[in-house]
Amino acid sequence: MEKPKHHLFVCASFRVKGDPKGVCHKKSGGFLQYLEDEISGRGLDAQVSATGCLKQCDHGPVMVVYPQGVWYGGLDGEEALDAVLDSLEEGGVCEKYLLA
C-alpha cells in the first residue's frame, strides 16, 4: 500500500478515560462519511482518520492535515469542508479556517 499524499485527522473528542469532551463529536455528525465521499469523488490522494481529542475545543470541529501539519477549526458544515478540500486540490491552505 502506498502512503497517501494527504492524511486528514478529524477530532472525535475522546480522551484517555473514554469520556467525550468538547464540541467536535457534537458538531461533526456525518463529517467523516462526507469527507470520504468527497475525497473519492474528487479523486484526491488522501486518507481520513478519526482521532482522540486534539485539545482545541474552543475551535471545534477541528481537523489536521498531514504531512503539511496544517490545523483547521470551525469546520461546522459541508461548506467549510469543501473549502479545505478545494485548497488541498489547489496545493494551498484554506486561510478562512486556519488555526494559528
N, C-alpha and C. Protein backbone atom coordinates (compact mmCIF):
# COMPACT_ATOMS: atom_id res chain seq x y z
N MET A 1 0.84 -1.19 0.00
CA MET A 1 0.00 0.00 0.00
C MET A 1 0.88 1.24 0.00
N GLU A 2 0.59 2.14 -0.89
CA GLU A 2 1.31 3.40 -0.93
C GLU A 2 0.73 4.38 0.08
N LYS A 3 1.60 5.22 0.62
CA LYS A 3 1.12 6.26 1.53
C LYS A 3 0.36 7.31 0.74
N PRO A 4 -0.75 7.81 1.29
CA PRO A 4 -1.49 8.87 0.61
C PRO A 4 -0.72 10.18 0.66
N LYS A 5 -1.01 11.04 -0.28
CA LYS A 5 -0.38 12.36 -0.31
C LYS A 5 -0.81 13.20 0.89
N HIS A 6 -2.06 13.07 1.30
CA HIS A 6 -2.61 13.82 2.43
C HIS A 6 -3.25 12.84 3.41
N HIS A 7 -3.12 13.16 4.69
CA HIS A 7 -3.79 12.39 5.74
C HIS A 7 -4.54 13.38 6.60
N LEU A 8 -5.86 13.25 6.64
CA LEU A 8 -6.72 14.16 7.39
C LEU A 8 -7.11 13.51 8.71
N PHE A 9 -6.71 14.15 9.81
CA PHE A 9 -7.04 13.67 11.14
C PHE A 9 -8.18 14.51 11.69
N VAL A 10 -9.30 13.88 11.97
CA VAL A 10 -10.51 14.57 12.42
C VAL A 10 -10.72 14.29 13.90
N CYS A 11 -10.85 15.35 14.69
CA CYS A 11 -11.05 15.19 16.13
C CYS A 11 -12.40 14.54 16.41
N ALA A 12 -12.35 13.47 17.23
CA ALA A 12 -13.58 12.79 17.65
C ALA A 12 -13.85 13.03 19.13
N SER A 13 -13.09 13.91 19.76
CA SER A 13 -13.32 14.38 21.13
C SER A 13 -13.06 13.39 22.25
N PHE A 14 -12.60 12.20 21.97
CA PHE A 14 -12.43 11.23 23.04
C PHE A 14 -11.08 11.38 23.71
N ARG A 15 -11.11 11.32 25.02
CA ARG A 15 -9.90 11.48 25.84
C ARG A 15 -9.52 10.14 26.45
N VAL A 16 -8.41 10.11 27.14
CA VAL A 16 -7.84 8.87 27.67
C VAL A 16 -8.84 8.02 28.44
N LYS A 17 -9.64 8.61 29.27
CA LYS A 17 -10.60 7.84 30.06
C LYS A 17 -11.84 7.46 29.25
N GLY A 18 -11.91 7.86 27.99
CA GLY A 18 -13.01 7.47 27.13
C GLY A 18 -14.22 8.38 27.17
N ASP A 19 -14.17 9.42 27.97
CA ASP A 19 -15.31 10.33 28.07
C ASP A 19 -15.26 11.37 26.96
N PRO A 20 -16.34 11.50 26.18
CA PRO A 20 -16.33 12.53 25.16
C PRO A 20 -16.36 13.91 25.80
N LYS A 21 -15.56 14.80 25.29
CA LYS A 21 -15.47 16.17 25.78
C LYS A 21 -15.57 17.11 24.59
N GLY A 22 -15.60 18.38 24.85
CA GLY A 22 -15.54 19.36 23.78
C GLY A 22 -16.72 19.34 22.85
N VAL A 23 -16.52 19.91 21.68
CA VAL A 23 -17.62 20.09 20.74
C VAL A 23 -17.46 19.30 19.45
N CYS A 24 -16.28 18.81 19.16
CA CYS A 24 -16.06 18.18 17.86
C CYS A 24 -17.02 17.03 17.61
N HIS A 25 -17.19 16.14 18.57
CA HIS A 25 -18.07 14.99 18.36
C HIS A 25 -19.53 15.40 18.26
N LYS A 26 -19.88 16.54 18.87
CA LYS A 26 -21.26 17.01 18.84
C LYS A 26 -21.62 17.69 17.52
N LYS A 27 -20.65 18.36 16.93
CA LYS A 27 -20.91 19.16 15.73
C LYS A 27 -20.50 18.48 14.43
N SER A 28 -19.92 17.30 14.51
CA SER A 28 -19.37 16.72 13.29
C SER A 28 -20.11 15.47 12.83
N GLY A 29 -21.40 15.38 13.09
CA GLY A 29 -22.18 14.25 12.62
C GLY A 29 -22.13 14.13 11.10
N GLY A 30 -21.79 12.97 10.61
CA GLY A 30 -21.69 12.76 9.17
C GLY A 30 -20.42 13.30 8.54
N PHE A 31 -19.60 13.94 9.34
CA PHE A 31 -18.36 14.58 8.92
C PHE A 31 -17.42 13.61 8.20
N LEU A 32 -17.15 12.47 8.84
CA LEU A 32 -16.21 11.51 8.27
C LEU A 32 -16.71 10.93 6.96
N GLN A 33 -17.98 10.57 6.92
CA GLN A 33 -18.53 10.00 5.70
C GLN A 33 -18.52 11.02 4.56
N TYR A 34 -18.85 12.26 4.88
CA TYR A 34 -18.83 13.31 3.86
C TYR A 34 -17.42 13.47 3.29
N LEU A 35 -16.42 13.52 4.18
CA LEU A 35 -15.03 13.65 3.72
C LEU A 35 -14.63 12.47 2.84
N GLU A 36 -14.96 11.27 3.28
CA GLU A 36 -14.63 10.08 2.48
C GLU A 36 -15.27 10.15 1.09
N ASP A 37 -16.53 10.52 1.05
CA ASP A 37 -17.24 10.60 -0.23
C ASP A 37 -16.63 11.67 -1.13
N GLU A 38 -16.33 12.82 -0.57
CA GLU A 38 -15.75 13.92 -1.35
C GLU A 38 -14.35 13.59 -1.85
N ILE A 39 -13.55 12.98 -1.01
CA ILE A 39 -12.19 12.59 -1.40
C ILE A 39 -12.26 11.62 -2.57
N SER A 40 -13.13 10.65 -2.47
CA SER A 40 -13.30 9.68 -3.54
C SER A 40 -13.82 10.34 -4.81
N GLY A 41 -14.86 11.17 -4.67
CA GLY A 41 -15.46 11.84 -5.82
C GLY A 41 -14.52 12.81 -6.52
N ARG A 42 -13.65 13.42 -5.76
CA ARG A 42 -12.70 14.39 -6.34
C ARG A 42 -11.42 13.71 -6.84
N GLY A 43 -11.25 12.45 -6.49
CA GLY A 43 -10.04 11.74 -6.89
C GLY A 43 -8.81 12.20 -6.13
N LEU A 44 -9.00 12.71 -4.92
CA LEU A 44 -7.87 13.16 -4.10
C LEU A 44 -7.12 11.95 -3.53
N ASP A 45 -5.82 12.07 -3.47
CA ASP A 45 -4.98 11.04 -2.86
C ASP A 45 -4.89 11.36 -1.37
N ALA A 46 -5.91 10.95 -0.62
CA ALA A 46 -6.00 11.31 0.79
C ALA A 46 -6.68 10.21 1.58
N GLN A 47 -6.38 10.19 2.86
CA GLN A 47 -6.98 9.25 3.80
C GLN A 47 -7.52 10.04 4.98
N VAL A 48 -8.63 9.56 5.57
CA VAL A 48 -9.25 10.21 6.71
C VAL A 48 -9.18 9.28 7.92
N SER A 49 -8.81 9.85 9.07
CA SER A 49 -8.79 9.08 10.32
C SER A 49 -9.42 9.91 11.43
N ALA A 50 -10.23 9.26 12.27
CA ALA A 50 -10.76 9.91 13.47
C ALA A 50 -9.69 9.80 14.56
N THR A 51 -9.58 10.82 15.39
CA THR A 51 -8.57 10.83 16.45
C THR A 51 -9.22 11.01 17.81
N GLY A 52 -8.41 10.90 18.82
CA GLY A 52 -8.82 11.31 20.15
C GLY A 52 -8.87 12.83 20.17
N CYS A 53 -9.13 13.38 21.33
CA CYS A 53 -9.24 14.83 21.47
C CYS A 53 -7.95 15.53 21.06
N LEU A 54 -8.07 16.54 20.21
CA LEU A 54 -6.92 17.33 19.78
C LEU A 54 -6.71 18.56 20.66
N LYS A 55 -7.54 18.69 21.69
CA LYS A 55 -7.41 19.74 22.70
C LYS A 55 -7.48 21.16 22.13
N GLN A 56 -8.36 21.33 21.16
CA GLN A 56 -8.65 22.63 20.57
C GLN A 56 -10.15 22.88 20.63
N CYS A 57 -10.75 22.52 21.76
CA CYS A 57 -12.21 22.52 21.91
C CYS A 57 -12.86 23.86 21.58
N ASP A 58 -12.18 24.96 21.87
CA ASP A 58 -12.75 26.27 21.58
C ASP A 58 -12.86 26.54 20.09
N HIS A 59 -12.22 25.71 19.27
CA HIS A 59 -12.19 25.93 17.83
C HIS A 59 -12.86 24.80 17.04
N GLY A 60 -13.54 23.90 17.72
CA GLY A 60 -14.06 22.71 17.07
C GLY A 60 -15.26 22.96 16.17
N PRO A 61 -15.49 22.01 15.30
CA PRO A 61 -14.72 20.83 14.99
C PRO A 61 -13.36 21.16 14.37
N VAL A 62 -12.39 20.30 14.68
CA VAL A 62 -11.00 20.52 14.28
C VAL A 62 -10.52 19.36 13.40
N MET A 63 -9.65 19.71 12.45
CA MET A 63 -9.03 18.73 11.57
C MET A 63 -7.58 19.15 11.32
N VAL A 64 -6.68 18.17 11.27
CA VAL A 64 -5.28 18.44 10.96
C VAL A 64 -4.93 17.69 9.68
N VAL A 65 -4.25 18.38 8.77
CA VAL A 65 -3.86 17.77 7.50
C VAL A 65 -2.34 17.56 7.50
N TYR A 66 -1.95 16.31 7.29
CA TYR A 66 -0.53 15.97 7.19
C TYR A 66 -0.24 15.45 5.81
N PRO A 67 0.99 15.59 5.32
CA PRO A 67 2.20 15.94 6.05
C PRO A 67 2.41 17.44 6.22
N GLN A 68 1.49 18.24 5.73
CA GLN A 68 1.66 19.69 5.81
C GLN A 68 1.64 20.21 7.25
N GLY A 69 0.95 19.52 8.14
CA GLY A 69 0.84 19.96 9.53
C GLY A 69 -0.06 21.17 9.70
N VAL A 70 -1.07 21.28 8.84
CA VAL A 70 -1.98 22.42 8.88
C VAL A 70 -3.19 22.07 9.73
N TRP A 71 -3.51 22.95 10.69
CA TRP A 71 -4.64 22.76 11.60
C TRP A 71 -5.79 23.66 11.17
N TYR A 72 -6.99 23.07 11.07
CA TYR A 72 -8.18 23.82 10.72
C TYR A 72 -9.21 23.70 11.85
N GLY A 73 -9.97 24.77 12.06
CA GLY A 73 -11.01 24.76 13.08
C GLY A 73 -12.27 25.43 12.57
N GLY A 74 -13.34 25.28 13.32
CA GLY A 74 -14.62 25.86 12.94
C GLY A 74 -15.24 25.20 11.73
N LEU A 75 -14.91 23.94 11.53
CA LEU A 75 -15.40 23.20 10.37
C LEU A 75 -16.78 22.64 10.67
N ASP A 76 -17.76 23.52 10.64
CA ASP A 76 -19.09 23.17 11.11
C ASP A 76 -20.10 22.84 10.02
N GLY A 77 -19.63 22.53 8.83
CA GLY A 77 -20.56 22.16 7.77
C GLY A 77 -19.85 21.80 6.48
N GLU A 78 -20.65 21.38 5.52
CA GLU A 78 -20.10 20.95 4.23
C GLU A 78 -19.37 22.07 3.52
N GLU A 79 -19.84 23.31 3.65
CA GLU A 79 -19.17 24.44 3.00
C GLU A 79 -17.73 24.58 3.50
N ALA A 80 -17.54 24.43 4.80
CA ALA A 80 -16.20 24.53 5.38
C ALA A 80 -15.31 23.38 4.90
N LEU A 81 -15.86 22.19 4.91
CA LEU A 81 -15.09 21.03 4.45
C LEU A 81 -14.73 21.16 2.98
N ASP A 82 -15.67 21.63 2.18
CA ASP A 82 -15.39 21.82 0.75
C ASP A 82 -14.27 22.84 0.55
N ALA A 83 -14.26 23.90 1.34
CA ALA A 83 -13.21 24.92 1.22
C ALA A 83 -11.84 24.32 1.52
N VAL A 84 -11.75 23.48 2.54
CA VAL A 84 -10.48 22.83 2.87
C VAL A 84 -10.07 21.87 1.76
N LEU A 85 -11.00 21.07 1.28
CA LEU A 85 -10.68 20.13 0.21
C LEU A 85 -10.31 20.85 -1.08
N ASP A 86 -10.98 21.97 -1.37
CA ASP A 86 -10.61 22.78 -2.54
C ASP A 86 -9.15 23.23 -2.43
N SER A 87 -8.75 23.65 -1.24
CA SER A 87 -7.38 24.13 -1.05
C SER A 87 -6.38 22.99 -1.22
N LEU A 88 -6.75 21.78 -0.78
CA LEU A 88 -5.86 20.63 -0.99
C LEU A 88 -5.68 20.35 -2.47
N GLU A 89 -6.78 20.42 -3.21
CA GLU A 89 -6.70 20.20 -4.66
C GLU A 89 -5.81 21.22 -5.34
N GLU A 90 -5.85 22.46 -4.83
CA GLU A 90 -5.07 23.55 -5.43
C GLU A 90 -3.65 23.61 -4.89
N GLY A 91 -3.33 22.78 -3.89
CA GLY A 91 -1.99 22.77 -3.33
C GLY A 91 -1.73 23.89 -2.34
N GLY A 92 -2.79 24.49 -1.80
CA GLY A 92 -2.62 25.61 -0.88
C GLY A 92 -3.24 25.33 0.47
N VAL A 93 -3.44 26.42 1.20
CA VAL A 93 -4.02 26.37 2.54
C VAL A 93 -5.29 27.20 2.54
N CYS A 94 -6.32 26.71 3.22
CA CYS A 94 -7.57 27.44 3.33
C CYS A 94 -7.47 28.41 4.52
N GLU A 95 -7.16 29.63 4.24
CA GLU A 95 -6.93 30.65 5.27
C GLU A 95 -8.14 30.88 6.17
N LYS A 96 -9.34 30.76 5.61
CA LYS A 96 -10.55 31.07 6.36
C LYS A 96 -10.71 30.21 7.60
N TYR A 97 -10.30 28.96 7.56
CA TYR A 97 -10.47 28.03 8.68
C TYR A 97 -9.16 27.66 9.36
N LEU A 98 -8.09 28.30 8.98
CA LEU A 98 -6.76 28.02 9.51
C LEU A 98 -6.66 28.41 10.99
N LEU A 99 -6.12 27.51 11.79
CA LEU A 99 -5.84 27.82 13.19
C LEU A 99 -4.37 28.27 13.28
N ALA A 100 -4.15 29.39 13.95
CA ALA A 100 -2.78 29.91 14.06
C ALA A 100 -2.03 29.23 15.17
